[in-house]
């Protein structure tokens, strides 16, 4: 079972990912809409991966990424955004992001496949 944390201030996206990925039975998903709350609950080894929005009002996704990687460098982190710029992509990879997904997603199946591949590579 893949333990996945979803951090996104857009509840419609977070809920869709939580329920959609959870349906497969291969994922145990947790969705938190506030990055500060997510960071306070994040513990090393608790999650195999994180889907992390890059643009959130409470705290920038790149800062959240830094804190997650400081706590658990082995955790796979996939950044998500509707506002892609080359600068943000490069910054996220420098900080340790494993991949970058653009919203809206091609399909939930493509998100599931990419997350599964990244986590299996890490194990």
Protein backbone atom coordinates (compact mmCIF):
# COMPACT_ATOMS: atom_id res chain seq x y z
CA UNK A 1 0.00 0.00 0.00
CA UNK A 2 1.36 3.42 -1.00
CA UNK A 3 0.88 6.05 1.71
CA UNK A 4 0.26 9.39 0.01
CA UNK A 5 -0.22 12.87 1.46
CA UNK A 6 -2.03 15.43 -0.70
CA UNK A 7 -1.50 19.11 0.13
CA UNK A 8 -3.58 21.56 -1.93
CA UNK A 9 -5.63 24.58 -0.88
CA UNK A 10 -8.14 23.89 -3.67
CA UNK A 11 -10.53 21.50 -1.95
CA UNK A 12 -12.08 20.26 -5.19
CA UNK A 13 -8.68 19.08 -6.46
CA UNK A 14 -7.55 17.68 -3.12
CA UNK A 15 -10.78 15.76 -2.58
CA UNK A 16 -10.77 14.43 -6.13
CA UNK A 17 -7.20 13.16 -5.72
CA UNK A 18 -7.87 11.71 -2.27
CA UNK A 19 -11.00 9.82 -3.31
CA UNK A 20 -9.86 8.92 -6.82
CA UNK A 21 -6.46 7.53 -5.84
CA UNK A 22 -7.91 5.90 -2.74
CA UNK A 23 -10.42 3.93 -4.85
CA UNK A 24 -7.73 1.78 -6.44
CA UNK A 25 -7.00 0.10 -3.13
CA UNK A 26 -3.26 0.56 -3.73
CA UNK A 27 -3.13 4.00 -2.10
CA UNK A 28 -3.85 5.11 1.45
CA UNK A 29 -4.48 8.81 0.88
CA UNK A 30 -4.61 11.71 3.32
CA UNK A 31 -5.72 15.14 2.13
CA UNK A 32 -4.92 18.35 4.02
CA UNK A 33 -5.92 21.72 2.55
CA UNK A 34 -3.60 23.87 4.69
CA UNK A 35 0.17 23.51 4.22
CA UNK A 36 0.92 24.70 7.77
CA UNK A 37 -1.31 21.99 9.23
CA UNK A 38 0.23 19.42 6.88
CA UNK A 39 3.75 20.34 7.97
CA UNK A 40 2.83 20.15 11.64
CA UNK A 41 1.53 16.59 11.10
CA UNK A 42 4.26 15.38 8.72
CA UNK A 43 6.64 12.83 10.24
CA UNK A 44 9.58 10.98 8.71
CA UNK A 45 8.58 7.61 7.30
CA UNK A 46 4.84 8.18 7.62
CA UNK A 47 4.29 8.79 3.88
CA UNK A 48 5.85 7.27 0.78
CA UNK A 49 4.95 10.32 -1.27
CA UNK A 50 3.42 13.79 -1.29
CA UNK A 51 1.40 15.55 -3.97
CA UNK A 52 2.07 19.23 -3.26
CA UNK A 53 0.50 22.32 -4.78
CA UNK A 54 3.06 25.03 -5.47
CA UNK A 55 0.77 28.08 -5.11
CA UNK A 56 -1.02 28.31 -1.76
CA UNK A 57 -1.93 31.40 0.25
CA UNK A 58 -0.81 30.14 3.66
CA UNK A 59 2.70 29.05 2.59
CA UNK A 60 4.48 28.71 -0.74
CA UNK A 61 4.83 25.14 -1.99
CA UNK A 62 8.59 25.48 -2.47
CA UNK A 63 8.99 26.33 1.25
CA UNK A 64 6.82 23.35 2.16
CA UNK A 65 8.93 21.16 -0.14
CA UNK A 66 12.11 22.29 1.64
CA UNK A 67 10.66 21.43 5.04
CA UNK A 68 9.39 18.03 3.90
CA UNK A 69 12.77 17.13 2.39
CA UNK A 70 14.55 18.31 5.56
CA UNK A 71 12.36 15.99 7.66
CA UNK A 72 12.38 13.04 5.22
CA UNK A 73 14.77 13.23 2.24
CA UNK A 74 13.57 9.85 0.93
CA UNK A 75 9.92 10.90 0.62
CA UNK A 76 8.86 11.30 -3.03
CA UNK A 77 7.42 14.78 -3.66
CA UNK A 78 5.48 15.65 -6.81
CA UNK A 79 4.75 19.34 -7.29
CA UNK A 80 1.43 20.40 -8.86
CA UNK A 81 0.45 23.72 -10.38
CA UNK A 82 -1.78 25.38 -12.92
CA UNK A 83 0.77 28.19 -13.30
CA UNK A 84 3.87 26.71 -14.87
CA UNK A 85 7.01 28.75 -15.27
CA UNK A 86 10.45 27.39 -16.06
CA UNK A 87 11.82 29.21 -13.02
CA UNK A 88 9.44 27.40 -10.62
CA UNK A 89 10.19 24.04 -12.22
CA UNK A 90 13.94 24.59 -11.87
CA UNK A 91 13.58 25.83 -8.29
CA UNK A 92 11.45 22.87 -7.27
CA UNK A 93 13.95 20.40 -8.71
CA UNK A 94 16.85 22.16 -6.95
CA UNK A 95 15.02 21.84 -3.64
CA UNK A 96 14.37 18.15 -4.24
CA UNK A 97 11.08 17.68 -6.09
CA UNK A 98 10.91 14.36 -7.88
CA UNK A 99 8.44 15.42 -10.54
CA UNK A 100 6.13 18.22 -11.65
CA UNK A 101 2.48 17.87 -12.77
CA UNK A 102 0.44 20.52 -14.55
CA UNK A 103 -3.20 21.11 -13.63
CA UNK A 104 -5.62 20.25 -15.00
CA UNK A 105 -4.28 16.70 -15.12
CA UNK A 106 -4.54 14.63 -18.31
CA UNK A 107 -6.28 11.99 -16.23
CA UNK A 108 -6.36 10.61 -12.73
CA UNK A 109 -4.84 7.42 -14.16
CA UNK A 110 -1.80 9.37 -15.39
CA UNK A 111 -1.28 10.88 -11.92
CA UNK A 112 -1.60 7.44 -10.31
CA UNK A 113 0.85 5.89 -12.79
CA UNK A 114 3.49 8.60 -12.31
CA UNK A 115 3.27 8.52 -8.50
CA UNK A 116 3.46 4.73 -8.48
CA UNK A 117 6.53 4.74 -10.80
CA UNK A 118 8.38 7.34 -8.73
CA UNK A 119 7.76 5.55 -5.45
CA UNK A 120 8.70 2.13 -6.86
CA UNK A 121 11.96 3.61 -8.20
CA UNK A 122 12.78 4.90 -4.72
CA UNK A 123 12.26 1.52 -2.99
